[in-house]
């Protein structure tokens, strides 16, 4: 039935989209609309809080899915109410049509029997299959991609810094130091958390910004040189301790270790967030099964 199909579309739409754009807002592309609709998600640190890091994520997932199931059931009730209202309006319109026809026939006569046929009453049913979406999953997927990019870049920078020591004296001086400074300046965002406002939640904008990095150490060097084209000052703040324009052996080790730590931390976070995403996917599948092929009895046919 066309009417049933219209409600199927509504059911899927209401669970997938979390807000409507007003007429006064500018028209956005499909990609922009999807990105805007994606929710903030808590970081693992926020999810765990003071709880057990092994069990607290499971509790958060269970609570999240429960809230979405409640929302889905509320929407089912609303869909049923709207269907009934439309059906009542249609039935009232049909009764009025029959009443007017009978009045016409009574006044002017008719050659045909216009008595309504009384058929056997049947239950009306509505079949729905709701698309049970958990949009937080897409945000975590994007976060994992961003962490992989950050980890790979940090690891490659460690290798690139080693190759900068052209005279193999363990230190970086002159052009070696300049190149190291260019790489450092082009990759300083690696030292900033993805959650750059520190509120414990991640937005798509923060994640996408964290992915905007040079592809590797060579690209970082090229970008750094380009950005410093009009400057004669090259400084590796925080690592050139005495600011003498030379990275001693110990200073160079500290710089490489900092990037190595970023790479290792990114790998650990990828594994932790991947587990969270896998567990969330499993919970979503279990919840989605509850909303497949729903048949709802509405009322006796009239």
Protein backbone atom coordinates (compact mmCIF):
# COMPACT_ATOMS: atom_id res chain seq x y z
CA UNK A 1 0.00 0.00 0.00
CA UNK A 2 1.36 3.48 -0.84
CA UNK A 3 0.34 4.80 2.58
CA UNK A 4 2.26 2.07 4.38
CA UNK A 5 5.34 2.76 2.26
CA UNK A 6 5.19 6.43 3.19
CA UNK A 7 5.36 5.49 6.84
CA UNK A 8 8.25 3.15 6.21
CA UNK A 9 10.21 6.06 4.80
CA UNK A 10 9.29 8.24 7.74
CA UNK A 11 10.40 5.61 10.22
CA UNK A 12 13.81 5.28 8.62
CA UNK A 13 14.21 9.04 8.32
CA UNK A 14 13.39 9.86 11.92
CA UNK A 15 15.96 7.46 13.28
CA UNK A 16 18.72 8.52 10.91
CA UNK A 17 18.39 12.30 11.02
CA UNK A 18 18.50 14.20 14.28
CA UNK A 19 17.37 17.66 13.26
CA UNK A 20 15.65 19.63 10.54
CA UNK A 21 16.97 22.69 8.75
CA UNK A 22 14.82 25.78 8.85
CA UNK A 23 13.90 27.52 5.62
CA UNK A 24 16.08 30.48 6.58
CA UNK A 25 19.29 28.43 6.72
CA UNK A 26 21.56 28.31 3.66
CA UNK A 27 21.37 25.20 1.50
CA UNK A 28 24.14 22.75 2.30
CA UNK A 29 25.63 19.93 0.30
CA UNK A 30 24.74 16.36 1.25
CA UNK A 31 28.18 15.81 2.79
CA UNK A 32 27.95 19.00 4.86
CA UNK A 33 24.49 18.07 6.07
CA UNK A 34 25.65 14.63 7.15
CA UNK A 35 28.67 16.05 8.97
CA UNK A 36 26.55 18.65 10.73
CA UNK A 37 24.07 16.00 11.85
CA UNK A 38 26.72 13.77 13.42
CA UNK A 39 26.74 14.05 17.21
CA UNK A 40 29.49 14.80 19.68
CA UNK A 41 30.94 11.65 21.20
CA UNK A 42 32.74 11.28 24.53
CA UNK A 43 36.40 10.41 24.62
CA UNK A 44 37.37 7.11 26.23
CA UNK A 45 38.69 9.05 29.21
CA UNK A 46 35.29 10.68 29.63
CA UNK A 47 33.48 7.35 29.28
CA UNK A 48 35.67 5.64 31.86
CA UNK A 49 35.84 8.55 34.29
CA UNK A 50 36.57 7.12 37.72
CA UNK A 51 35.11 3.74 36.78
CA UNK A 52 36.63 0.45 35.72
CA UNK A 53 38.26 0.84 32.28
CA UNK A 54 37.22 -2.74 31.39
CA UNK A 55 33.54 -2.50 32.33
CA UNK A 56 32.66 1.19 32.10
CA UNK A 57 32.64 1.30 28.26
CA UNK A 58 30.17 -1.61 28.27
CA UNK A 59 27.88 0.29 30.62
CA UNK A 60 28.07 3.40 28.44
CA UNK A 61 27.19 1.37 25.34
CA UNK A 62 24.25 -0.29 27.10
CA UNK A 63 22.92 3.08 28.29
CA UNK A 64 23.31 4.64 24.84
CA UNK A 65 21.49 1.79 23.07
CA UNK A 66 18.73 1.83 25.67
CA UNK A 67 18.10 5.53 25.07
CA UNK A 68 17.96 4.97 21.31
CA UNK A 69 15.53 2.06 21.73
CA UNK A 70 13.24 4.25 23.83
CA UNK A 71 13.39 6.95 21.16
CA UNK A 72 12.58 4.38 18.47
CA UNK A 73 9.55 3.10 20.37
CA UNK A 74 8.27 6.64 20.88
CA UNK A 75 8.58 7.23 17.15
CA UNK A 76 6.67 4.01 16.44
CA UNK A 77 3.79 5.27 18.59
CA UNK A 78 3.84 8.61 16.77
CA UNK A 79 3.81 6.87 13.39
CA UNK A 80 0.87 4.70 14.47
CA UNK A 81 -1.05 7.75 15.69
CA UNK A 82 -0.47 9.58 12.44
CA UNK A 83 -1.56 6.56 10.41
CA UNK A 84 -4.76 6.23 12.47
CA UNK A 85 -5.53 9.93 12.10
CA UNK A 86 -5.15 9.73 8.33
CA UNK A 87 -7.28 6.57 8.21
CA UNK A 88 -10.00 8.14 10.36
CA UNK A 89 -10.06 11.17 8.05
CA UNK A 90 -10.35 8.91 5.02
CA UNK A 91 -13.16 6.87 6.62
CA UNK A 92 -15.04 10.06 7.55
CA UNK A 93 -14.70 11.31 3.99
CA UNK A 94 -16.08 8.03 2.64
CA UNK A 95 -19.02 8.07 5.06
CA UNK A 96 -19.87 11.62 4.00
CA UNK A 97 -19.71 10.63 0.32
CA UNK A 98 -22.12 7.75 0.92
CA UNK A 99 -24.47 9.98 2.95
CA UNK A 100 -24.65 12.56 0.17
CA UNK A 101 -25.23 9.87 -2.47
CA UNK A 102 -28.04 8.37 -0.42
CA UNK A 103 -29.65 11.78 0.03
CA UNK A 104 -29.49 12.36 -3.72
CA UNK A 105 -30.98 8.94 -4.46
CA UNK A 106 -33.75 9.45 -1.90
CA UNK A 107 -34.72 12.77 -3.48
CA UNK A 108 -34.38 11.91 -7.15
CA UNK A 109 -34.46 8.16 -7.24
CA UNK A 110 -31.96 5.75 -8.74
CA UNK A 111 -31.90 2.68 -10.86
CA UNK A 112 -29.15 1.06 -8.79
CA UNK A 113 -28.89 -0.38 -5.30
CA UNK A 114 -26.70 2.02 -3.34
CA UNK A 115 -26.86 0.19 -0.04
CA UNK A 116 -23.27 -0.13 1.22
CA UNK A 117 -22.00 -3.70 1.16
CA UNK A 118 -21.29 -4.88 4.71
CA UNK A 119 -18.24 -7.06 4.52
CA UNK A 120 -16.56 -9.01 7.27
CA UNK A 121 -14.56 -6.77 9.56
CA UNK A 122 -10.85 -7.26 9.30
CA UNK A 123 -8.00 -6.06 11.39
CA UNK A 124 -5.88 -3.38 9.75
CA UNK A 125 -2.17 -3.86 10.12
CA UNK A 126 0.89 -1.78 9.39
CA UNK A 127 4.26 -3.37 8.65
CA UNK A 128 7.44 -1.41 9.33
CA UNK A 129 11.17 -2.04 9.22
CA UNK A 130 13.01 0.70 11.05
CA UNK A 131 16.58 1.51 10.09
CA UNK A 132 18.08 1.56 13.59
CA UNK A 133 21.11 3.80 13.24
CA UNK A 134 23.75 4.68 15.84
CA UNK A 135 25.37 7.76 14.31
CA UNK A 136 28.03 7.83 17.02
CA UNK A 137 29.62 4.87 15.23
CA UNK A 138 30.47 7.00 12.20
CA UNK A 139 32.18 9.60 14.41
CA UNK A 140 34.32 6.92 16.06
CA UNK A 141 35.23 5.51 12.63
CA UNK A 142 36.45 8.94 11.60
CA UNK A 143 38.37 9.27 14.87
CA UNK A 144 40.15 5.95 14.27
CA UNK A 145 41.13 7.12 10.78
CA UNK A 146 42.50 10.37 12.22
CA UNK A 147 44.52 8.53 14.88
CA UNK A 148 45.99 6.21 12.25
CA UNK A 149 47.07 9.21 10.17
CA UNK A 150 48.65 10.92 13.20
CA UNK A 151 50.43 7.75 14.27
CA UNK A 152 51.82 7.04 10.80
CA UNK A 153 53.08 10.61 10.39
CA UNK A 154 54.75 10.67 13.82
CA UNK A 155 56.46 7.35 13.09
CA UNK A 156 57.72 8.59 9.73
CA UNK A 157 59.02 11.81 11.29
CA UNK A 158 61.19 9.72 13.64
CA UNK A 159 62.77 8.03 10.62
CA UNK A 160 63.12 11.32 8.76
CA UNK A 161 64.90 13.00 11.68
CA UNK A 162 67.45 10.18 11.67
CA UNK A 163 68.21 10.77 7.98
CA UNK A 164 68.78 14.50 8.58
CA UNK A 165 72.05 13.77 10.40
CA UNK A 166 74.05 13.74 7.18
CA UNK A 167 77.49 13.80 8.83
CA UNK A 168 76.52 11.13 11.38
CA UNK A 169 77.81 13.06 14.37
CA UNK A 170 74.60 12.52 16.36
CA UNK A 171 73.79 16.23 16.37
CA UNK A 172 71.74 18.41 14.05
CA UNK A 173 73.48 21.62 13.05
CA UNK A 174 73.23 24.18 10.26
CA UNK A 175 70.96 22.96 7.46
CA UNK A 176 70.29 19.78 9.43
CA UNK A 177 68.86 21.86 12.27
CA UNK A 178 66.92 24.04 9.82
CA UNK A 179 65.30 20.99 8.24
CA UNK A 180 64.41 19.53 11.65
CA UNK A 181 62.85 22.86 12.64
CA UNK A 182 60.79 22.94 9.43
CA UNK A 183 59.48 19.45 10.12
CA UNK A 184 58.72 20.35 13.74
CA UNK A 185 56.90 23.54 12.80
CA UNK A 186 54.80 21.73 10.17
CA UNK A 187 53.76 18.98 12.58
CA UNK A 188 53.22 20.81 15.85
CA UNK A 189 49.52 19.87 15.73
CA UNK A 190 50.57 16.31 16.52
CA UNK A 191 51.36 17.52 20.01
CA UNK A 192 47.78 18.74 20.48
CA UNK A 193 44.98 16.37 21.48
CA UNK A 194 42.19 15.69 19.00
CA UNK A 195 39.84 17.12 21.64
CA UNK A 196 41.41 20.54 21.19
CA UNK A 197 38.95 22.41 23.43
CA UNK A 198 39.43 19.89 26.24
CA UNK A 199 35.72 19.39 26.97
CA UNK A 200 35.97 15.60 26.96
CA UNK A 201 33.88 15.26 23.80
CA UNK A 202 34.85 14.98 20.15
CA UNK A 203 33.15 16.74 17.27
CA UNK A 204 33.55 15.88 13.61
CA UNK A 205 35.14 19.30 13.09
CA UNK A 206 37.84 18.51 15.67
CA UNK A 207 38.49 15.11 14.13
CA UNK A 208 38.71 16.43 10.59
CA UNK A 209 41.08 19.20 11.74
CA UNK A 210 43.29 16.57 13.40
CA UNK A 211 43.55 14.73 10.05
CA UNK A 212 44.77 17.82 8.19
CA UNK A 213 48.46 17.01 8.40
CA UNK A 214 51.36 16.41 6.02
CA UNK A 215 51.32 12.92 4.54
CA UNK A 216 54.80 12.01 5.82
CA UNK A 217 58.13 13.44 6.97
CA UNK A 218 59.18 14.54 3.50
CA UNK A 219 55.89 16.39 3.00
CA UNK A 220 56.30 17.98 6.43
CA UNK A 221 59.78 19.20 5.47
CA UNK A 222 58.47 20.70 2.21
CA UNK A 223 55.56 22.38 3.98
CA UNK A 224 57.83 23.72 6.71
CA UNK A 225 60.28 25.18 4.18
CA UNK A 226 57.43 26.79 2.26
CA UNK A 227 55.95 28.37 5.41
CA UNK A 228 59.36 29.64 6.53
CA UNK A 229 60.40 31.02 3.13
CA UNK A 230 60.37 34.60 4.40
CA UNK A 231 61.97 33.88 7.75
CA UNK A 232 65.60 33.41 8.74
CA UNK A 233 64.64 32.20 12.22
CA UNK A 234 64.37 28.47 12.81
CA UNK A 235 63.73 27.37 16.36
CA UNK A 236 62.60 24.03 17.80
CA UNK A 237 60.82 25.36 20.86
CA UNK A 238 60.89 23.13 23.90
CA UNK A 239 63.64 20.86 22.58
CA UNK A 240 66.51 23.26 21.75
CA UNK A 241 66.91 23.89 25.45
CA UNK A 242 69.71 26.47 25.26
CA UNK A 243 68.32 28.02 22.02
CA UNK A 244 71.69 27.85 20.31
CA UNK A 245 70.41 26.62 16.97
CA UNK A 246 71.98 23.21 17.50
CA UNK A 247 70.30 20.01 18.63
CA UNK A 248 72.77 18.14 20.80
CA UNK A 249 72.66 14.36 20.92
CA UNK A 250 70.43 14.44 23.99
CA UNK A 251 68.16 17.14 22.56
CA UNK A 252 67.81 15.23 19.32
CA UNK A 253 66.95 12.04 21.23
CA UNK A 254 64.31 13.95 23.19
CA UNK A 255 62.73 15.28 19.97
CA UNK A 256 62.66 11.82 18.37
CA UNK A 257 61.29 10.27 21.55
CA UNK A 258 58.47 12.82 21.62
CA UNK A 259 57.35 11.81 18.14
CA UNK A 260 57.78 8.13 18.97
CA UNK A 261 55.56 8.58 22.02
CA UNK A 262 52.87 10.20 19.84
CA UNK A 263 53.03 7.26 17.44
CA UNK A 264 52.79 4.64 20.18
CA UNK A 265 49.94 6.46 21.92
CA UNK A 266 48.03 6.74 18.64
CA UNK A 267 48.39 2.98 18.09
CA UNK A 268 47.10 2.27 21.59
CA UNK A 269 44.16 4.62 21.10
CA UNK A 270 43.33 3.04 17.73
CA UNK A 271 43.12 -0.38 19.41
CA UNK A 272 41.00 0.93 22.30
CA UNK A 273 38.58 2.89 20.10
CA UNK A 274 38.33 -0.01 17.63
CA UNK A 275 37.20 -2.27 20.48
CA UNK A 276 34.65 0.36 21.52
CA UNK A 277 33.40 0.59 17.93
CA UNK A 278 33.20 -3.21 17.56
CA UNK A 279 31.24 -3.55 20.81
CA UNK A 280 28.96 -0.69 19.78
CA UNK A 281 28.35 -2.38 16.41
CA UNK A 282 27.41 -5.65 18.12
CA UNK A 283 25.00 -3.85 20.44
CA UNK A 284 23.47 -1.97 17.51
CA UNK A 285 22.85 -5.19 15.60
CA UNK A 286 21.08 -6.73 18.60
CA UNK A 287 18.89 -3.64 19.01
CA UNK A 288 18.17 -3.37 15.27
CA UNK A 289 16.82 -6.93 15.25
CA UNK A 290 14.03 -5.79 17.59
CA UNK A 291 12.77 -3.30 15.00
CA UNK A 292 12.82 -5.48 11.89
CA UNK A 293 9.55 -6.43 10.19
CA UNK A 294 7.28 -4.96 12.86
CA UNK A 295 3.59 -5.71 12.32
CA UNK A 296 1.30 -3.43 14.32
CA UNK A 297 -2.42 -4.07 14.64
CA UNK A 298 -4.25 -0.76 14.33
CA UNK A 299 -8.01 -1.28 14.53
CA UNK A 300 -10.98 -3.20 13.17
CA UNK A 301 -11.79 -2.38 9.56
CA UNK A 302 -14.94 -0.32 8.97
